[in-house]
C-alpha atoms as a PDB file:
ATOM      1  CA  MET A   1     -32.694  13.556   7.894  1.00  0.00           C
ATOM      2  CA  THR A   2     -29.754  12.271   5.861  1.00  0.00           C
ATOM      3  CA  ALA A   3     -29.543   8.790   4.389  1.00  0.00           C
ATOM      4  CA  PRO A   4     -27.186   6.348   6.076  1.00  0.00           C
ATOM      5  CA  GLN A   5     -23.721   6.221   4.567  1.00  0.00           C
ATOM      6  CA  PRO A   6     -23.151   3.118   2.393  1.00  0.00           C
ATOM      7  CA  LEU A   7     -21.016   0.405   3.977  1.00  0.00           C
ATOM      8  CA  HIS A   8     -18.153   0.738   1.495  1.00  0.00           C
ATOM      9  CA  GLU A   9     -17.869   4.436   2.348  1.00  0.00           C
ATOM     10  CA  ARG A  10     -17.872   3.746   6.092  1.00  0.00           C
ATOM     11  CA  LEU A  11     -15.194   1.059   5.662  1.00  0.00           C
ATOM     12  CA  LEU A  12     -13.006   3.330   3.550  1.00  0.00           C
ATOM     13  CA  ASP A  13     -13.389   6.248   5.966  1.00  0.00           C
ATOM     14  CA  PHE A  14     -12.392   3.967   8.834  1.00  0.00           C
ATOM     15  CA  GLU A  15      -9.350   2.689   6.913  1.00  0.00           C
ATOM     16  CA  ALA A  16      -8.370   6.216   5.881  1.00  0.00           C
ATOM     17  CA  ALA A  17      -8.191   7.209   9.554  1.00  0.00           C
ATOM     18  CA  ARG A  18      -5.124   4.928   9.879  1.00  0.00           C
ATOM     19  CA  HIS A  19      -5.721   3.759  13.446  1.00  0.00           C
ATOM     20  CA  ALA A  20      -2.889   2.100  15.329  1.00  0.00           C
ATOM     21  CA  PRO A  21      -3.267  -1.695  14.876  1.00  0.00           C
ATOM     22  CA  TYR A  22      -4.046  -2.391  18.525  1.00  0.00           C
ATOM     23  CA  ARG A  23      -6.565   0.455  18.577  1.00  0.00           C
ATOM     24  CA  LYS A  24      -8.151  -0.519  15.272  1.00  0.00           C
ATOM     25  CA  GLU A  25      -9.097  -4.000  16.478  1.00  0.00           C
ATOM     26  CA  ALA A  26     -10.789  -2.505  19.549  1.00  0.00           C
ATOM     27  CA  LEU A  27     -12.766  -0.026  17.428  1.00  0.00           C
ATOM     28  CA  ILE A  28     -14.126  -2.483  14.857  1.00  0.00           C
ATOM     29  CA  ARG A  29     -16.892  -4.070  16.953  1.00  0.00           C
ATOM     30  CA  PRO A  30     -18.419  -0.834  18.329  1.00  0.00           C
ATOM     31  CA  THR A  31     -18.133   0.933  14.969  1.00  0.00           C
ATOM     32  CA  PHE A  32     -19.419  -1.812  12.656  1.00  0.00           C
ATOM     33  CA  ALA A  33     -21.229  -4.198  15.041  1.00  0.00           C
ATOM     34  CA  CYS A  34     -19.252  -7.171  13.748  1.00  0.00           C
ATOM     35  CA  SER A  35     -16.167  -9.174  14.610  1.00  0.00           C
ATOM     36  CA  ALA A  36     -12.731  -8.283  13.244  1.00  0.00           C
ATOM     37  CA  PRO A  37     -12.680 -11.270  10.831  1.00  0.00           C
ATOM     38  CA  ARG A  38     -16.080 -10.228   9.436  1.00  0.00           C
ATOM     39  CA  TYR A  39     -14.845  -6.635   9.069  1.00  0.00           C
ATOM     40  CA  TYR A  40     -11.860  -7.824   7.036  1.00  0.00           C
ATOM     41  CA  GLN A  41     -14.142 -10.010   4.871  1.00  0.00           C
ATOM     42  CA  GLN A  42     -16.283  -6.957   4.115  1.00  0.00           C
ATOM     43  CA  LEU A  43     -13.196  -4.861   3.443  1.00  0.00           C
ATOM     44  CA  SER A  44     -11.879  -7.483   1.048  1.00  0.00           C
ATOM     45  CA  ALA A  45     -15.236  -7.575  -0.746  1.00  0.00           C
ATOM     46  CA  ILE A  46     -15.131  -3.862  -1.546  1.00  0.00           C
ATOM     47  CA  ILE A  47     -11.726  -4.158  -3.219  1.00  0.00           C
ATOM     48  CA  THR A  48     -12.598  -7.245  -5.263  1.00  0.00           C
ATOM     49  CA  PRO A  49     -12.924  -6.409  -8.971  1.00  0.00           C
ATOM     50  CA  GLY A  50     -16.488  -5.545  -9.909  1.00  0.00           C
ATOM     51  CA  PRO A  51     -19.080  -2.896  -9.066  1.00  0.00           C
ATOM     52  CA  ALA A  52     -17.957  -2.638  -5.428  1.00  0.00           C
ATOM     53  CA  LEU A  53     -14.382  -1.844  -6.455  1.00  0.00           C
ATOM     54  CA  ALA A  54     -15.601   0.776  -8.934  1.00  0.00           C
ATOM     55  CA  ALA A  55     -17.700   2.412  -6.212  1.00  0.00           C
ATOM     56  CA  SER A  56     -14.770   2.320  -3.782  1.00  0.00           C
ATOM     57  CA  LEU A  57     -12.407   3.875  -6.325  1.00  0.00           C
ATOM     58  CA  ALA A  58     -14.943   6.583  -7.115  1.00  0.00           C
ATOM     59  CA  TYR A  59     -15.430   7.411  -3.423  1.00  0.00           C
ATOM     60  CA  ASP A  60     -11.812   7.285  -2.161  1.00  0.00           C
ATOM     61  CA  PRO A  61      -9.238   6.343  -4.796  1.00  0.00           C
ATOM     62  CA  THR A  62      -6.224   6.897  -2.519  1.00  0.00           C
ATOM     63  CA  THR A  63      -7.367   4.581   0.274  1.00  0.00           C
ATOM     64  CA  THR A  64      -8.707   1.996  -2.169  1.00  0.00           C
ATOM     65  CA  THR A  65      -5.422   1.913  -4.071  1.00  0.00           C
ATOM     66  CA  ARG A  66      -3.484   1.569  -0.796  1.00  0.00           C
ATOM     67  CA  LEU A  67      -5.693  -1.357   0.222  1.00  0.00           C
ATOM     68  CA  LEU A  68      -5.178  -2.999  -3.166  1.00  0.00           C
ATOM     69  CA  ARG A  69      -1.392  -2.623  -2.825  1.00  0.00           C
ATOM     70  CA  LEU A  70      -1.451  -4.142   0.670  1.00  0.00           C
ATOM     71  CA  GLN A  71      -3.637  -7.015  -0.523  1.00  0.00           C
ATOM     72  CA  GLU A  72      -1.274  -7.742  -3.418  1.00  0.00           C
ATOM     73  CA  ALA A  73       1.766  -7.614  -1.109  1.00  0.00           C
ATOM     74  CA  ARG A  74       0.127 -10.154   1.236  1.00  0.00           C
ATOM     75  CA  ARG A  75      -0.787 -12.348  -1.741  1.00  0.00           C
ATOM     76  CA  ALA A  76       2.803 -12.224  -3.046  1.00  0.00           C
ATOM     77  CA  ALA A  77       4.208 -13.041   0.402  1.00  0.00           C
ATOM     78  CA  ARG A  78       1.899 -16.069   0.680  1.00  0.00           C
ATOM     79  CA  ALA A  79       2.910 -17.244  -2.793  1.00  0.00           C
ATOM     80  CA  ALA A  80       6.604 -16.896  -1.949  1.00  0.00           C
ATOM     81  CA  ARG A  81       6.127 -19.007   1.193  1.00  0.00           C
ATOM     82  CA  THR A  82       4.342 -21.754  -0.700  1.00  0.00           C
ATOM     83  CA  LEU A  83       6.913 -21.864  -3.504  1.00  0.00           C
ATOM     84  CA  THR A  84       9.973 -22.325  -1.314  1.00  0.00           C
ATOM     85  CA  THR A  85      11.580 -25.751  -1.368  1.00  0.00           C
ATOM     86  CA  ASP A  86      13.215 -27.371   1.612  1.00  0.00           C
END
């Protein structure tokens, strides 16, 4: 019997599959037994600097780097919205 796959590996494998957005939301609950917001919290946790990020980079550097780029783009977009003056 094989050991269960760690959560960060399962999350990265799921993200690497690049599901269509409408399909991805429908697959989260049956795959991870959690809501979509909880899934995204867990995904964010594995790309937060620290041991989880190191493990994610070691397992799948391409997907982890893509997720980091997307996170930074969202952060920059939020910052641009908050800095605009009317």
